[in-house]
Amino acid sequence: MGLFDRFFGRKPSEPTTRALANRAQPPRKVHSIERDVVDLMAQMGRANHPREYGAALRAEKGVITELVLVPGMIGGDAHTFMNTWNLPIDASIVGTVHSHPSPYPIPSDADKQFFGHFGHTHLIIAYPYNAYSWKAYDLTAEEIRLKVVDRA
């Protein structure tokens, strides 16, 4: 056990994000997102610019259908704090979305660490906050593709 592991309290048997990436991945649980959700993500990004915002994602039958606002979320110029303990106990919550006030929807090191600890689908929407300025990632911070669908 190294100093880093002792500092963060990680046991030698706990998998790291890299170890998770090397495992055979099960079929994607989420394959699509509703267009209304993409529009709402963009509106929230514009409303909070230049500060970041964050929310949880709810999915039904493999389709992200809504954003769940997290009580006590704090958004700043270069950070979003979400206490996942404030979320309801709900198996349909599959991950998170947050904004970047820069034009780059690329996960930071802190984002990558968070992705590996909560949920399996994460979205980042970046300035100018439109239907084309977001990307989806899995729990290992690998980019994934989600199909945008209209509400059924």
Protein backbone atom coordinates (compact mmCIF):
# COMPACT_ATOMS: atom_id res chain seq x y z
CA MET A 1 0.00 0.00 0.00
CA GLY A 2 1.48 3.31 -1.08
CA LEU A 3 1.32 6.69 0.59
CA PHE A 4 -1.40 7.88 -1.82
CA ASP A 5 -3.54 4.84 -0.99
CA ARG A 6 -3.07 5.34 2.74
CA PHE A 7 -3.90 9.05 2.46
CA PHE A 8 -7.15 8.40 0.58
CA GLY A 9 -7.99 5.32 2.61
CA ARG A 10 -8.06 3.01 -0.40
CA LYS A 11 -7.53 -0.64 0.35
CA PRO A 12 -5.24 -2.55 -2.04
CA SER A 13 -8.18 -4.63 -3.28
CA GLU A 14 -10.31 -1.63 -4.35
CA PRO A 15 -10.26 -1.16 -8.14
CA THR A 16 -8.99 2.11 -9.54
CA THR A 17 -10.55 3.85 -12.53
CA ARG A 18 -7.84 2.35 -14.74
CA ALA A 19 -8.64 -1.14 -13.44
CA LEU A 20 -12.33 -0.53 -14.16
CA ALA A 21 -11.48 0.48 -17.73
CA ASN A 22 -9.66 -2.83 -18.30
CA ARG A 23 -12.63 -4.94 -17.19
CA ALA A 24 -15.11 -6.33 -19.68
CA GLN A 25 -17.93 -3.81 -19.64
CA PRO A 26 -21.58 -4.92 -19.51
CA PRO A 27 -23.97 -3.63 -22.18
CA ARG A 28 -24.76 0.07 -21.78
CA LYS A 29 -27.66 0.69 -19.42
CA VAL A 30 -28.34 4.09 -20.99
CA HIS A 31 -28.41 4.50 -24.76
CA SER A 32 -30.47 7.67 -25.37
CA ILE A 33 -31.45 11.06 -23.99
CA GLU A 34 -34.67 12.98 -24.58
CA ARG A 35 -34.37 16.19 -26.60
CA ASP A 36 -36.25 18.09 -23.85
CA VAL A 37 -33.53 17.12 -21.36
CA VAL A 38 -30.79 18.41 -23.69
CA ASP A 39 -32.73 21.68 -24.08
CA LEU A 40 -33.11 21.99 -20.29
CA MET A 41 -29.38 21.34 -19.76
CA ALA A 42 -28.60 24.14 -22.22
CA GLN A 43 -31.07 26.55 -20.59
CA MET A 44 -29.61 25.86 -17.14
CA GLY A 45 -26.08 26.42 -18.46
CA ARG A 46 -27.03 29.78 -20.00
CA ALA A 47 -28.90 30.83 -16.84
CA ASN A 48 -25.94 30.05 -14.56
CA HIS A 49 -23.10 31.25 -16.84
CA PRO A 50 -20.28 32.00 -15.95
CA ARG A 51 -20.84 29.71 -12.94
CA GLU A 52 -21.09 25.94 -13.23
CA TYR A 53 -24.21 24.00 -12.28
CA GLY A 54 -24.79 20.33 -11.56
CA ALA A 55 -27.69 17.90 -11.37
CA ALA A 56 -28.38 14.17 -11.32
CA LEU A 57 -29.78 12.21 -14.28
CA ARG A 58 -32.82 9.95 -14.14
CA ALA A 59 -33.36 7.29 -16.81
CA GLU A 60 -36.23 4.97 -17.67
CA LYS A 61 -35.79 1.97 -19.97
CA GLY A 62 -32.35 3.17 -21.08
CA VAL A 63 -33.43 6.74 -21.90
CA ILE A 64 -32.45 9.78 -19.81
CA THR A 65 -35.80 11.43 -19.13
CA GLU A 66 -35.14 14.15 -16.55
CA LEU A 67 -32.72 16.11 -14.42
CA VAL A 68 -32.90 15.80 -10.65
CA LEU A 69 -31.80 18.93 -8.80
CA VAL A 70 -29.56 18.15 -5.84
CA PRO A 71 -30.36 20.12 -2.67
CA GLY A 72 -27.36 22.12 -1.49
CA MET A 73 -25.55 22.07 -4.87
CA ILE A 74 -22.86 24.75 -5.01
CA GLY A 75 -21.65 26.05 -8.37
CA GLY A 76 -18.61 28.24 -8.81
CA ASP A 77 -16.41 29.62 -11.57
CA ALA A 78 -14.49 26.35 -11.94
CA HIS A 79 -16.27 23.83 -9.73
CA THR A 80 -19.55 22.20 -8.79
CA PHE A 81 -20.12 20.56 -5.43
CA MET A 82 -22.96 18.05 -5.21
CA ASN A 83 -23.51 16.10 -2.03
CA THR A 84 -24.81 12.77 -3.36
CA TRP A 85 -26.12 11.96 0.12
CA ASN A 86 -28.81 14.58 -0.53
CA LEU A 87 -30.24 12.60 -3.45
CA PRO A 88 -33.33 10.47 -2.98
CA ILE A 89 -32.86 6.71 -2.75
CA ASP A 90 -33.78 5.97 -6.34
CA ALA A 91 -32.39 3.24 -8.60
CA SER A 92 -33.38 5.24 -11.71
CA ILE A 93 -30.68 7.87 -11.01
CA VAL A 94 -27.87 6.86 -13.37
CA GLY A 95 -25.30 9.67 -13.15
CA THR A 96 -24.80 13.41 -13.32
CA VAL A 97 -24.66 16.42 -15.59
CA HIS A 98 -22.63 19.57 -14.99
CA SER A 99 -21.60 22.57 -17.04
CA HIS A 100 -18.24 24.01 -18.02
CA PRO A 101 -18.17 27.78 -18.67
CA SER A 102 -15.39 27.18 -21.23
CA PRO A 103 -16.14 25.78 -24.70
CA TYR A 104 -14.57 22.41 -23.83
CA PRO A 105 -16.83 19.60 -22.52
CA ILE A 106 -13.80 17.56 -21.45
CA PRO A 107 -13.66 16.01 -17.95
CA SER A 108 -11.11 17.40 -15.51
CA ASP A 109 -9.13 15.13 -13.18
CA ALA A 110 -11.68 15.86 -10.44
CA ASP A 111 -14.51 14.95 -12.85
CA LYS A 112 -12.82 11.66 -13.72
CA GLN A 113 -12.42 10.79 -10.06
CA PHE A 114 -16.08 11.58 -9.34
CA PHE A 115 -17.32 9.59 -12.36
CA GLY A 116 -15.71 6.43 -10.97
CA HIS A 117 -17.51 6.82 -7.63
CA PHE A 118 -21.08 7.71 -8.57
CA GLY A 119 -23.31 6.43 -11.36
CA HIS A 120 -22.37 5.12 -14.78
CA THR A 121 -23.41 7.89 -17.19
CA HIS A 122 -22.16 11.47 -16.91
CA LEU A 123 -22.73 14.49 -19.14
CA ILE A 124 -20.79 17.73 -19.50
CA ILE A 125 -22.34 20.65 -21.35
CA ALA A 126 -20.05 23.55 -22.28
CA TYR A 127 -20.41 27.13 -23.48
CA PRO A 128 -22.32 28.15 -25.67
CA TYR A 129 -24.77 25.66 -24.09
CA ASN A 130 -26.64 24.30 -27.07
CA ALA A 131 -27.65 20.94 -28.51
CA TYR A 132 -24.14 20.44 -29.93
CA SER A 133 -21.92 21.49 -27.01
CA TRP A 134 -22.28 18.45 -24.72
CA LYS A 135 -20.60 15.08 -24.40
CA ALA A 136 -21.40 11.91 -22.48
CA TYR A 137 -18.93 9.77 -20.52
CA ASP A 138 -19.01 6.46 -18.70
CA LEU A 139 -17.70 5.79 -15.20
CA THR A 140 -14.12 5.46 -16.53
CA ALA A 141 -14.38 8.89 -18.26
CA GLU A 142 -14.40 7.29 -21.70
CA GLU A 143 -16.58 9.19 -24.15
CA ILE A 144 -19.80 7.42 -25.10
CA ARG A 145 -22.49 8.26 -27.64
CA LEU A 146 -26.09 8.85 -26.67
CA LYS A 147 -28.87 9.08 -29.22
CA VAL A 148 -31.11 12.16 -28.88
CA VAL A 149 -34.76 11.10 -29.07
CA ASP A 150 -38.09 12.88 -28.90
CA ARG A 151 -40.37 12.20 -25.95
CA ALA A 152 -42.49 9.14 -26.67
